[in-house]
Amino acid sequence: MKSYDRIFLVGPMGAGKTTIGRRLASRLHLEFIDLDSALEERTGVDIPRIFDIEGESGFRRRESQLLDELTQRKGIVLATGGGAVIDPNNQRHLGARGLVIYLRATLDTQIKRTHGTNRPMLNGEDPATRLSALMQTRGPIYEALADRVIDTEDGHPERLAEDLARALEESGIVDPH
C-alpha cells in the first residue's frame, strides 16, 4: 500500500476541515495549513475583502495558484476551501499529490456551524438554499476525489482526528513518525 506524507481535506463549509485538520496534523506530526488562512496571510487581506475587490473569479485564481504550490509541499495536512475542488487543475493536483479525505456533513450541521460567520459564498441569500445548491455541484466532486470519506456529524473533532490518524497509521497509509 502506498504511504502518504501529504493529506488533503476536502468538503463543504462547516464540515470541520480546519478544526479536525489541526488535530490530525498534530497527531501525525505533520504541518497543518489552512488554504484560506494561507491566502489571507499571503495577500494581507481577508477572504471577504478579496471577494469584494476581485470577485469570486479573482479569489479562485489566487486560490488555485496557492493550492498548486502547497500541494507540492511535503509533510502537511492541508484544509482546502469548500470550493477549491471546482477547478479541474485543483482536482488533478489534489488527486495526484496526496491522500484526499472528504469530510462530510449534513446540511443542518453546515448551517449550525457556519451561522454567524463571515463567508462570502453565503452572502445575499438564504444560507440553507445556498449551501444546498453548492453541495449539488460540489458533492459529486468531493466523492470522486476522495480516497476516504469521514462523516463528521456525531463526532467530537478530537475523537474524529484521533480515530482517523489511528486508522491511517494502522493501514500503513501514513507513517506514524
N, C-alpha and C. Protein backbone atom coordinates (compact mmCIF):
# COMPACT_ATOMS: atom_id res chain seq x y z
N MET A 1 0.84 -1.18 0.00
CA MET A 1 0.00 0.00 0.00
C MET A 1 0.89 1.24 0.00
N LYS A 2 0.48 2.23 -0.74
CA LYS A 2 1.22 3.48 -0.83
C LYS A 2 1.11 4.28 0.47
N SER A 3 2.23 4.88 0.88
CA SER A 3 2.26 5.73 2.07
C SER A 3 2.28 7.19 1.63
N TYR A 4 1.61 8.05 2.39
CA TYR A 4 1.48 9.46 2.03
C TYR A 4 2.09 10.36 3.09
N ASP A 5 2.67 11.47 2.64
CA ASP A 5 3.11 12.50 3.58
C ASP A 5 2.40 13.82 3.29
N ARG A 6 1.36 13.73 2.48
CA ARG A 6 0.50 14.88 2.18
C ARG A 6 -0.95 14.41 2.30
N ILE A 7 -1.69 15.08 3.16
CA ILE A 7 -3.10 14.76 3.34
C ILE A 7 -3.90 16.01 3.04
N PHE A 8 -4.88 15.87 2.16
CA PHE A 8 -5.70 17.00 1.74
C PHE A 8 -7.14 16.76 2.18
N LEU A 9 -7.68 17.71 2.94
CA LEU A 9 -9.05 17.62 3.42
C LEU A 9 -9.95 18.45 2.53
N VAL A 10 -10.99 17.82 2.01
CA VAL A 10 -11.98 18.50 1.18
C VAL A 10 -13.35 18.31 1.82
N GLY A 11 -14.27 19.16 1.46
CA GLY A 11 -15.63 19.07 1.96
C GLY A 11 -16.26 20.44 2.03
N PRO A 12 -17.53 20.48 2.35
CA PRO A 12 -18.25 21.76 2.35
C PRO A 12 -17.90 22.62 3.55
N MET A 13 -18.34 23.86 3.50
CA MET A 13 -18.23 24.76 4.65
C MET A 13 -18.89 24.10 5.84
N GLY A 14 -18.23 24.18 6.99
CA GLY A 14 -18.81 23.65 8.20
C GLY A 14 -18.60 22.17 8.42
N ALA A 15 -17.85 21.50 7.56
CA ALA A 15 -17.62 20.07 7.73
C ALA A 15 -16.56 19.78 8.79
N GLY A 16 -15.73 20.78 9.11
CA GLY A 16 -14.70 20.59 10.13
C GLY A 16 -13.29 20.44 9.58
N LYS A 17 -13.07 20.88 8.37
CA LYS A 17 -11.75 20.70 7.75
C LYS A 17 -10.63 21.35 8.57
N THR A 18 -10.84 22.56 9.02
CA THR A 18 -9.81 23.26 9.79
C THR A 18 -9.70 22.68 11.20
N THR A 19 -10.82 22.50 11.85
CA THR A 19 -10.82 22.01 13.23
C THR A 19 -10.22 20.61 13.32
N ILE A 20 -10.69 19.71 12.50
CA ILE A 20 -10.18 18.34 12.51
C ILE A 20 -8.77 18.30 11.93
N GLY A 21 -8.53 19.09 10.89
CA GLY A 21 -7.21 19.11 10.26
C GLY A 21 -6.09 19.48 11.21
N ARG A 22 -6.32 20.49 12.05
CA ARG A 22 -5.31 20.89 13.05
C ARG A 22 -4.96 19.73 13.97
N ARG A 23 -5.98 19.08 14.45
CA ARG A 23 -5.79 17.97 15.38
C ARG A 23 -5.14 16.77 14.69
N LEU A 24 -5.55 16.49 13.47
CA LEU A 24 -4.97 15.38 12.71
C LEU A 24 -3.49 15.62 12.45
N ALA A 25 -3.15 16.83 12.04
CA ALA A 25 -1.75 17.17 11.78
C ALA A 25 -0.91 17.01 13.03
N SER A 26 -1.42 17.47 14.14
CA SER A 26 -0.70 17.35 15.40
C SER A 26 -0.47 15.89 15.75
N ARG A 27 -1.50 15.11 15.62
CA ARG A 27 -1.43 13.68 15.95
C ARG A 27 -0.43 12.94 15.04
N LEU A 28 -0.36 13.35 13.77
CA LEU A 28 0.53 12.68 12.81
C LEU A 28 1.90 13.35 12.70
N HIS A 29 2.12 14.40 13.48
CA HIS A 29 3.39 15.15 13.46
C HIS A 29 3.67 15.73 12.07
N LEU A 30 2.61 16.30 11.49
CA LEU A 30 2.71 16.96 10.19
C LEU A 30 2.37 18.44 10.38
N GLU A 31 2.76 19.25 9.43
CA GLU A 31 2.42 20.68 9.45
C GLU A 31 0.97 20.84 9.01
N PHE A 32 0.22 21.70 9.70
CA PHE A 32 -1.15 21.99 9.29
C PHE A 32 -1.17 23.31 8.54
N ILE A 33 -1.87 23.31 7.41
CA ILE A 33 -2.07 24.53 6.63
C ILE A 33 -3.53 24.63 6.25
N ASP A 34 -4.13 25.77 6.55
CA ASP A 34 -5.48 26.08 6.09
C ASP A 34 -5.33 26.96 4.86
N LEU A 35 -5.84 26.50 3.73
CA LEU A 35 -5.65 27.21 2.46
C LEU A 35 -6.16 28.65 2.52
N ASP A 36 -7.33 28.86 3.10
CA ASP A 36 -7.87 30.22 3.19
C ASP A 36 -6.99 31.12 4.06
N SER A 37 -6.55 30.60 5.19
CA SER A 37 -5.67 31.39 6.08
C SER A 37 -4.34 31.70 5.40
N ALA A 38 -3.80 30.73 4.67
CA ALA A 38 -2.54 30.95 3.95
C ALA A 38 -2.72 32.01 2.87
N LEU A 39 -3.87 32.02 2.23
CA LEU A 39 -4.16 33.03 1.21
C LEU A 39 -4.30 34.41 1.84
N GLU A 40 -4.96 34.48 2.98
CA GLU A 40 -5.08 35.76 3.68
C GLU A 40 -3.71 36.27 4.11
N GLU A 41 -2.88 35.38 4.60
CA GLU A 41 -1.53 35.77 5.01
C GLU A 41 -0.72 36.28 3.83
N ARG A 42 -0.83 35.60 2.71
CA ARG A 42 -0.08 35.99 1.52
C ARG A 42 -0.54 37.33 0.96
N THR A 43 -1.85 37.57 0.95
CA THR A 43 -2.36 38.79 0.33
C THR A 43 -2.43 39.96 1.32
N GLY A 44 -2.47 39.65 2.61
CA GLY A 44 -2.58 40.70 3.61
C GLY A 44 -3.99 41.21 3.83
N VAL A 45 -4.97 40.54 3.23
CA VAL A 45 -6.38 40.90 3.43
C VAL A 45 -7.20 39.63 3.65
N ASP A 46 -8.39 39.79 4.24
CA ASP A 46 -9.21 38.60 4.49
C ASP A 46 -9.98 38.19 3.23
N ILE A 47 -10.50 36.98 3.27
CA ILE A 47 -11.20 36.40 2.11
C ILE A 47 -12.38 37.28 1.67
N PRO A 48 -13.22 37.76 2.59
CA PRO A 48 -14.32 38.63 2.14
C PRO A 48 -13.82 39.86 1.36
N ARG A 49 -12.69 40.41 1.78
CA ARG A 49 -12.13 41.58 1.08
C ARG A 49 -11.67 41.20 -0.33
N ILE A 50 -11.06 40.04 -0.47
CA ILE A 50 -10.65 39.58 -1.81
C ILE A 50 -11.88 39.46 -2.70
N PHE A 51 -12.95 38.88 -2.16
CA PHE A 51 -14.20 38.76 -2.93
C PHE A 51 -14.72 40.14 -3.31
N ASP A 52 -14.67 41.09 -2.37
CA ASP A 52 -15.16 42.45 -2.65
C ASP A 52 -14.36 43.11 -3.76
N ILE A 53 -13.06 42.94 -3.75
CA ILE A 53 -12.19 43.62 -4.71
C ILE A 53 -12.13 42.89 -6.05
N GLU A 54 -11.95 41.57 -6.00
CA GLU A 54 -11.67 40.81 -7.22
C GLU A 54 -12.80 39.89 -7.65
N GLY A 55 -13.83 39.78 -6.82
CA GLY A 55 -14.91 38.86 -7.13
C GLY A 55 -14.49 37.41 -6.92
N GLU A 56 -15.44 36.52 -7.14
CA GLU A 56 -15.12 35.10 -6.94
C GLU A 56 -14.05 34.62 -7.91
N SER A 57 -14.08 35.11 -9.15
CA SER A 57 -13.08 34.64 -10.13
C SER A 57 -11.66 35.02 -9.71
N GLY A 58 -11.48 36.23 -9.18
CA GLY A 58 -10.16 36.63 -8.70
C GLY A 58 -9.72 35.80 -7.51
N PHE A 59 -10.66 35.56 -6.61
CA PHE A 59 -10.35 34.72 -5.46
C PHE A 59 -9.95 33.32 -5.92
N ARG A 60 -10.72 32.72 -6.81
CA ARG A 60 -10.44 31.35 -7.28
C ARG A 60 -9.08 31.27 -7.99
N ARG A 61 -8.74 32.29 -8.72
CA ARG A 61 -7.43 32.31 -9.39
C ARG A 61 -6.30 32.29 -8.36
N ARG A 62 -6.42 33.13 -7.35
CA ARG A 62 -5.40 33.16 -6.29
C ARG A 62 -5.38 31.83 -5.52
N GLU A 63 -6.56 31.31 -5.23
CA GLU A 63 -6.68 30.05 -4.51
C GLU A 63 -5.98 28.92 -5.28
N SER A 64 -6.21 28.86 -6.59
CA SER A 64 -5.62 27.80 -7.41
C SER A 64 -4.09 27.90 -7.46
N GLN A 65 -3.58 29.11 -7.57
CA GLN A 65 -2.13 29.28 -7.59
C GLN A 65 -1.50 28.79 -6.29
N LEU A 66 -2.11 29.15 -5.17
CA LEU A 66 -1.57 28.74 -3.88
C LEU A 66 -1.76 27.25 -3.64
N LEU A 67 -2.89 26.70 -4.06
CA LEU A 67 -3.12 25.27 -3.90
C LEU A 67 -2.07 24.48 -4.68
N ASP A 68 -1.75 24.91 -5.89
CA ASP A 68 -0.72 24.25 -6.69
C ASP A 68 0.60 24.22 -5.92
N GLU A 69 0.95 25.33 -5.34
CA GLU A 69 2.20 25.42 -4.57
C GLU A 69 2.16 24.54 -3.32
N LEU A 70 1.10 24.65 -2.56
CA LEU A 70 1.04 23.94 -1.28
C LEU A 70 0.91 22.43 -1.44
N THR A 71 0.24 21.97 -2.48
CA THR A 71 0.10 20.51 -2.66
C THR A 71 1.42 19.85 -3.04
N GLN A 72 2.42 20.65 -3.33
CA GLN A 72 3.75 20.10 -3.62
C GLN A 72 4.62 20.03 -2.36
N ARG A 73 4.16 20.64 -1.29
CA ARG A 73 4.92 20.66 -0.04
C ARG A 73 4.74 19.33 0.68
N LYS A 74 5.82 18.79 1.19
CA LYS A 74 5.77 17.51 1.89
C LYS A 74 5.48 17.71 3.37
N GLY A 75 4.91 16.67 3.97
CA GLY A 75 4.69 16.66 5.41
C GLY A 75 3.59 17.58 5.88
N ILE A 76 2.46 17.63 5.14
CA ILE A 76 1.39 18.56 5.50
C ILE A 76 0.03 17.89 5.57
N VAL A 77 -0.84 18.50 6.34
CA VAL A 77 -2.28 18.29 6.27
C VAL A 77 -2.81 19.64 5.79
N LEU A 78 -3.45 19.64 4.63
CA LEU A 78 -3.97 20.86 4.02
C LEU A 78 -5.49 20.85 4.05
N ALA A 79 -6.08 21.84 4.72
CA ALA A 79 -7.53 22.02 4.72
C ALA A 79 -7.85 22.98 3.57
N THR A 80 -8.54 22.47 2.56
CA THR A 80 -8.88 23.31 1.41
C THR A 80 -10.16 24.08 1.72
N GLY A 81 -10.41 25.11 0.93
CA GLY A 81 -11.70 25.77 0.99
C GLY A 81 -12.74 24.89 0.32
N GLY A 82 -13.99 25.07 0.67
CA GLY A 82 -15.05 24.22 0.13
C GLY A 82 -15.15 24.22 -1.38
N GLY A 83 -14.82 25.36 -2.00
CA GLY A 83 -14.93 25.47 -3.46
C GLY A 83 -13.65 25.21 -4.23
N ALA A 84 -12.58 24.90 -3.53
CA ALA A 84 -11.30 24.67 -4.22
C ALA A 84 -11.39 23.54 -5.23
N VAL A 85 -12.31 22.61 -5.00
CA VAL A 85 -12.40 21.43 -5.87
C VAL A 85 -13.06 21.70 -7.21
N ILE A 86 -13.64 22.87 -7.40
CA ILE A 86 -14.36 23.10 -8.65
C ILE A 86 -13.43 23.29 -9.84
N ASP A 87 -12.21 23.68 -9.60
CA ASP A 87 -11.24 23.88 -10.69
C ASP A 87 -10.63 22.53 -11.08
N PRO A 88 -10.72 22.14 -12.35
CA PRO A 88 -10.16 20.84 -12.77
C PRO A 88 -8.66 20.70 -12.49
N ASN A 89 -7.91 21.78 -12.59
CA ASN A 89 -6.48 21.70 -12.26
C ASN A 89 -6.28 21.39 -10.78
N ASN A 90 -7.09 22.01 -9.93
CA ASN A 90 -7.01 21.73 -8.50
C ASN A 90 -7.34 20.26 -8.24
N GLN A 91 -8.35 19.75 -8.92
CA GLN A 91 -8.72 18.35 -8.77
C GLN A 91 -7.53 17.45 -9.12
N ARG A 92 -6.86 17.75 -10.21
CA ARG A 92 -5.69 16.95 -10.63
C ARG A 92 -4.58 17.03 -9.58
N HIS A 93 -4.30 18.24 -9.10
CA HIS A 93 -3.23 18.40 -8.11
C HIS A 93 -3.55 17.64 -6.83
N LEU A 94 -4.77 17.76 -6.35
CA LEU A 94 -5.16 17.08 -5.12
C LEU A 94 -5.07 15.56 -5.30
N GLY A 95 -5.64 15.07 -6.37
CA GLY A 95 -5.69 13.63 -6.60
C GLY A 95 -4.33 13.00 -6.85
N ALA A 96 -3.44 13.73 -7.49
CA ALA A 96 -2.13 13.16 -7.86
C ALA A 96 -1.06 13.33 -6.80
N ARG A 97 -1.24 14.27 -5.89
CA ARG A 97 -0.14 14.63 -4.99
C ARG A 97 -0.31 14.18 -3.55
N GLY A 98 -1.43 13.61 -3.20
CA GLY A 98 -1.60 13.21 -1.80
C GLY A 98 -2.86 12.41 -1.58
N LEU A 99 -3.12 12.15 -0.33
CA LEU A 99 -4.31 11.42 0.09
C LEU A 99 -5.43 12.43 0.31
N VAL A 100 -6.55 12.22 -0.37
CA VAL A 100 -7.69 13.13 -0.26
C VAL A 100 -8.74 12.52 0.66
N ILE A 101 -9.08 13.27 1.70
CA ILE A 101 -10.10 12.83 2.65
C ILE A 101 -11.26 13.81 2.59
N TYR A 102 -12.43 13.26 2.30
CA TYR A 102 -13.64 14.06 2.22
C TYR A 102 -14.32 14.03 3.58
N LEU A 103 -14.43 15.20 4.21
CA LEU A 103 -15.15 15.34 5.47
C LEU A 103 -16.58 15.73 5.12
N ARG A 104 -17.49 14.83 5.42
CA ARG A 104 -18.88 15.00 5.02
C ARG A 104 -19.72 15.47 6.20
N ALA A 105 -20.65 16.39 5.92
CA ALA A 105 -21.57 16.90 6.94
C ALA A 105 -22.93 17.14 6.29
N THR A 106 -23.99 16.96 7.07
CA THR A 106 -25.34 17.22 6.56
C THR A 106 -25.57 18.72 6.41
N LEU A 107 -26.60 19.07 5.69
CA LEU A 107 -26.96 20.47 5.51
C LEU A 107 -27.26 21.14 6.86
N ASP A 108 -27.98 20.45 7.72
CA ASP A 108 -28.29 21.02 9.04
C ASP A 108 -27.02 21.33 9.83
N THR A 109 -26.08 20.43 9.79
CA THR A 109 -24.81 20.64 10.50
C THR A 109 -24.05 21.81 9.89
N GLN A 110 -24.02 21.89 8.58
CA GLN A 110 -23.33 23.01 7.92
C GLN A 110 -23.96 24.34 8.33
N ILE A 111 -25.28 24.39 8.39
CA ILE A 111 -25.97 25.63 8.77
C ILE A 111 -25.60 26.02 10.20
N LYS A 112 -25.64 25.05 11.11
CA LYS A 112 -25.29 25.34 12.51
C LYS A 112 -23.86 25.83 12.62
N ARG A 113 -22.94 25.18 11.94
CA ARG A 113 -21.52 25.50 12.09
C ARG A 113 -21.10 26.78 11.37
N THR A 114 -21.86 27.20 10.37
CA THR A 114 -21.49 28.41 9.64
C THR A 114 -22.30 29.63 10.07
N HIS A 115 -23.32 29.43 10.89
CA HIS A 115 -24.16 30.54 11.33
C HIS A 115 -23.31 31.60 12.05
N GLY A 116 -23.48 32.84 11.63
CA GLY A 116 -22.77 33.95 12.26
C GLY A 116 -21.34 34.14 11.79
N THR A 117 -20.93 33.39 10.79
CA THR A 117 -19.57 33.56 10.26
C THR A 117 -19.63 34.45 9.03
N ASN A 118 -18.50 35.01 8.68
CA ASN A 118 -18.43 35.89 7.52
C ASN A 118 -17.91 35.10 6.33
N ARG A 119 -18.82 34.48 5.61
CA ARG A 119 -18.46 33.65 4.47
C ARG A 119 -19.07 34.24 3.20
N PRO A 120 -18.23 34.73 2.32
CA PRO A 120 -18.74 35.39 1.11
C PRO A 120 -19.70 34.55 0.28
N MET A 121 -19.51 33.24 0.25
CA MET A 121 -20.39 32.40 -0.56
C MET A 121 -21.79 32.29 0.04
N LEU A 122 -21.96 32.75 1.28
CA LEU A 122 -23.29 32.69 1.90
C LEU A 122 -23.96 34.06 1.96
N ASN A 123 -23.32 35.07 1.45
CA ASN A 123 -23.90 36.41 1.45
C ASN A 123 -25.00 36.53 0.40
N GLY A 124 -26.05 37.24 0.75
CA GLY A 124 -27.04 37.62 -0.25
C GLY A 124 -28.23 36.71 -0.41
N GLU A 125 -28.21 35.53 0.16
CA GLU A 125 -29.40 34.69 0.05
C GLU A 125 -29.50 33.77 1.26
N ASP A 126 -30.59 33.05 1.31
CA ASP A 126 -30.81 32.12 2.41
C ASP A 126 -29.66 31.11 2.47
N PRO A 127 -28.96 31.03 3.61
CA PRO A 127 -27.82 30.11 3.71
C PRO A 127 -28.16 28.66 3.40
N ALA A 128 -29.31 28.19 3.84
CA ALA A 128 -29.68 26.80 3.58
C ALA A 128 -29.82 26.54 2.08
N THR A 129 -30.46 27.46 1.38
CA THR A 129 -30.62 27.32 -0.06
C THR A 129 -29.27 27.34 -0.76
N ARG A 130 -28.42 28.26 -0.34
CA ARG A 130 -27.09 28.39 -0.96
C ARG A 130 -26.23 27.16 -0.68
N LEU A 131 -26.20 26.71 0.58
CA LEU A 131 -25.39 25.53 0.92
C LEU A 131 -25.88 24.30 0.16
N SER A 132 -27.19 24.17 0.03
CA SER A 132 -27.76 23.04 -0.71
C SER A 132 -27.34 23.09 -2.18
N ALA A 133 -27.41 24.28 -2.77
CA ALA A 133 -27.02 24.43 -4.18
C ALA A 133 -25.53 24.13 -4.37
N LEU A 134 -24.70 24.60 -3.43
CA LEU A 134 -23.26 24.33 -3.53
C LEU A 134 -22.99 22.83 -3.46
N MET A 135 -23.71 22.12 -2.59
CA MET A 135 -23.50 20.67 -2.47
C MET A 135 -23.95 19.93 -3.72
N GLN A 136 -24.97 20.44 -4.39
CA GLN A 136 -25.41 19.81 -5.64
C GLN A 136 -24.27 19.78 -6.65
N THR A 137 -23.52 20.87 -6.69
CA THR A 137 -22.40 20.98 -7.62
C THR A 137 -21.15 20.30 -7.11
N ARG A 138 -20.82 20.54 -5.86
CA ARG A 138 -19.54 20.10 -5.32
C ARG A 138 -19.54 18.69 -4.75
N GLY A 139 -20.69 18.23 -4.25
CA GLY A 139 -20.76 16.91 -3.62
C GLY A 139 -20.21 15.79 -4.49
N PRO A 140 -20.62 15.70 -5.76
CA PRO A 140 -20.08 14.64 -6.60
C PRO A 140 -18.56 14.76 -6.82
N ILE A 141 -18.04 15.97 -6.79
CA ILE A 141 -16.60 16.15 -6.95
C ILE A 141 -15.88 15.68 -5.70
N TYR A 142 -16.39 16.04 -4.52
CA TYR A 142 -15.80 15.55 -3.28
C TYR A 142 -15.74 14.03 -3.28
N GLU A 143 -16.86 13.41 -3.65
CA GLU A 143 -16.94 11.94 -3.68
C GLU A 143 -15.93 11.34 -4.65
N ALA A 144 -15.84 11.94 -5.83
CA ALA A 144 -14.94 11.40 -6.86
C ALA A 144 -13.47 11.54 -6.47
N LEU A 145 -13.12 12.61 -5.80
CA LEU A 145 -11.73 12.85 -5.40
C LEU A 145 -11.30 12.02 -4.20
N ALA A 146 -12.24 11.66 -3.36
CA ALA A 146 -11.94 11.09 -2.04
C ALA A 146 -11.29 9.71 -2.10
N ASP A 147 -10.19 9.60 -1.37
CA ASP A 147 -9.61 8.29 -1.08
C ASP A 147 -10.29 7.69 0.15
N ARG A 148 -10.77 8.58 1.00
CA ARG A 148 -11.51 8.18 2.22
C ARG A 148 -12.61 9.21 2.45
N VAL A 149 -13.72 8.75 3.03
CA VAL A 149 -14.83 9.63 3.38
C VAL A 149 -15.08 9.47 4.88
N ILE A 150 -15.15 10.60 5.58
CA ILE A 150 -15.39 10.60 7.02
C ILE A 150 -16.62 11.45 7.30
N ASP A 151 -17.60 10.86 7.98
CA ASP A 151 -18.77 11.63 8.40
C ASP A 151 -18.42 12.36 9.69
N THR A 152 -18.68 13.65 9.73
CA THR A 152 -18.30 14.47 10.88
C THR A 152 -19.50 14.84 11.75
N GLU A 153 -20.62 14.20 11.54
CA GLU A 153 -21.86 14.53 12.24
C GLU A 153 -21.80 14.38 13.74
N ASP A 154 -21.53 13.18 14.19
CA ASP A 154 -21.70 12.85 15.60
C ASP A 154 -20.44 13.01 16.42
N GLY A 155 -19.32 13.10 15.74
CA GLY A 155 -18.08 13.03 16.48
C GLY A 155 -17.53 14.35 16.96
N HIS A 156 -16.88 14.28 18.09
CA HIS A 156 -16.12 15.41 18.60
C HIS A 156 -14.85 15.50 17.74
N PRO A 157 -14.42 16.70 17.35
CA PRO A 157 -13.25 16.84 16.46
C PRO A 157 -12.01 16.09 16.96
N GLU A 158 -11.77 16.14 18.26
CA GLU A 158 -10.59 15.46 18.81
C GLU A 158 -10.67 13.95 18.58
N ARG A 159 -11.84 13.38 18.84
CA ARG A 159 -12.02 11.94 18.65
C ARG A 159 -11.96 11.58 17.17
N LEU A 160 -12.59 12.38 16.32
CA LEU A 160 -12.55 12.10 14.88
C LEU A 160 -11.12 12.12 14.36
N ALA A 161 -10.34 13.11 14.77
CA ALA A 161 -8.95 13.20 14.33
C ALA A 161 -8.13 12.02 14.85
N GLU A 162 -8.35 11.67 16.10
CA GLU A 162 -7.63 10.53 16.70
C GLU A 162 -7.98 9.23 15.99
N ASP A 163 -9.26 9.00 15.75
CA ASP A 163 -9.69 7.77 15.06
C ASP A 163 -9.14 7.73 13.64
N LEU A 164 -9.18 8.86 12.95
CA LEU A 164 -8.67 8.92 11.59
C LEU A 164 -7.17 8.68 11.55
N ALA A 165 -6.43 9.33 12.44
CA ALA A 165 -4.98 9.15 12.49
C ALA A 165 -4.64 7.69 12.76
N ARG A 166 -5.32 7.09 13.71
CA ARG A 166 -5.06 5.69 14.05
C ARG A 166 -5.33 4.78 12.85
N ALA A 167 -6.45 5.02 12.17
CA ALA A 167 -6.80 4.19 11.02
C ALA A 167 -5.77 4.35 9.90
N LEU A 168 -5.30 5.56 9.67
CA LEU A 168 -4.31 5.80 8.63
C LEU A 168 -2.98 5.14 8.97
N GLU A 169 -2.59 5.22 10.23
CA GLU A 169 -1.34 4.60 10.67
C GLU A 169 -1.42 3.08 10.60
N GLU A 170 -2.51 2.53 11.12
CA GLU A 170 -2.65 1.08 11.17
C GLU A 170 -2.72 0.46 9.78
N SER A 171 -3.26 1.19 8.83
CA SER A 171 -3.37 0.67 7.46
C SER A 171 -2.09 0.91 6.67
N GLY A 172 -1.14 1.65 7.26
CA GLY A 172 0.12 1.92 6.56
C GLY A 172 0.03 3.06 5.56
N ILE A 173 -1.09 3.75 5.54
CA ILE A 173 -1.26 4.85 4.59
C ILE A 173 -0.39 6.04 4.95
N VAL A 174 -0.20 6.27 6.26
CA VAL A 174 0.73 7.31 6.69
C VAL A 174 1.75 6.69 7.64
N ASP A 175 2.91 7.27 7.66
CA ASP A 175 3.98 6.82 8.56
C ASP A 175 3.76 7.49 9.90
N PRO A 176 3.67 6.73 10.99
CA PRO A 176 3.38 7.33 12.28
C PRO A 176 4.54 8.12 12.88
N HIS A 177 5.62 8.27 12.20
CA HIS A 177 6.76 9.01 12.74
C HIS A 177 6.73 10.36 12.13
